[in-house]
C-alpha cells in the first residue's frame, strides 16, 4: 500500500504521462471534509473493452508500466478510496484521453498522511517526456496553479541542480501560503512538518 496521498497522486499522474499525453491537468482540492483529486489528459485513451476491465484486479494492460517497477493499479486505488469513505471514477475515449477522479474523507481514521506535495509536484514536472502539466492545489478557499513550462522558464530550466532548487523553493512558498489543512490530513501534515525539523528529518 502507498505510504502517502502524495505517492498515490504521483503514481496515478504518471499513468497519463506514460499514456502519451501532451497535456495533463492535475488538481488537488481540500475543503476540510474531502480530499479530491482530478487528472485529465489527452493521451491515447482506452476503448470500451479496456475501460470496462480497468478495475479488474486480474487485468493489466501490457506494457503500461515499462518505465516503473511498480504501478498503482486502479483496483488498489478503488479499495483505498472506498476504505476511507471516498470514491473513484474513470472515463476514457480511445484516441481522445482519460479523466480519473478520486476522493478520500479528510476525517477518516484510516486516511494515509498527505506526504510531501512539493516533492511530488517536482518529480512530475521533471519526469522525462514532451508534455505540459498544469498542477493546481486548493485548500480553504485559497489556491495556486503552475504549469510545467511556466516553472521551467521561471527558474531557467529543470535540468540543473540550481533550477531544481529554485523550483522546489517556489513550490514550497506556494504551499506555505495556503491555509493549514484540517481533519486527519491536517494532523498528519503537522507531524510531518515537526519531523522535518527534527535531527535527521525523521517524522515523530
Foldseek 3Di string as FASTA:
>chain_A
DDQAVLVVQLQVQVLQVLLVFQEWEWEWEAEQFKIKIKIWTFGQWDDPVCVVCQLPPVDDDPPSPPVDPDGDGPVNVQVLQVVQVKHWDKDTDGNGTIMIMIMGTLAGPPHRAHPDNLVSVLCVLPDDDNHKYKYKYYYPRDIDIDISVRLQVVQVHDPDPSSSVVSSVVVVVRVVPHDQHHHPNSVSVVQQVVLCPDVVSGRD
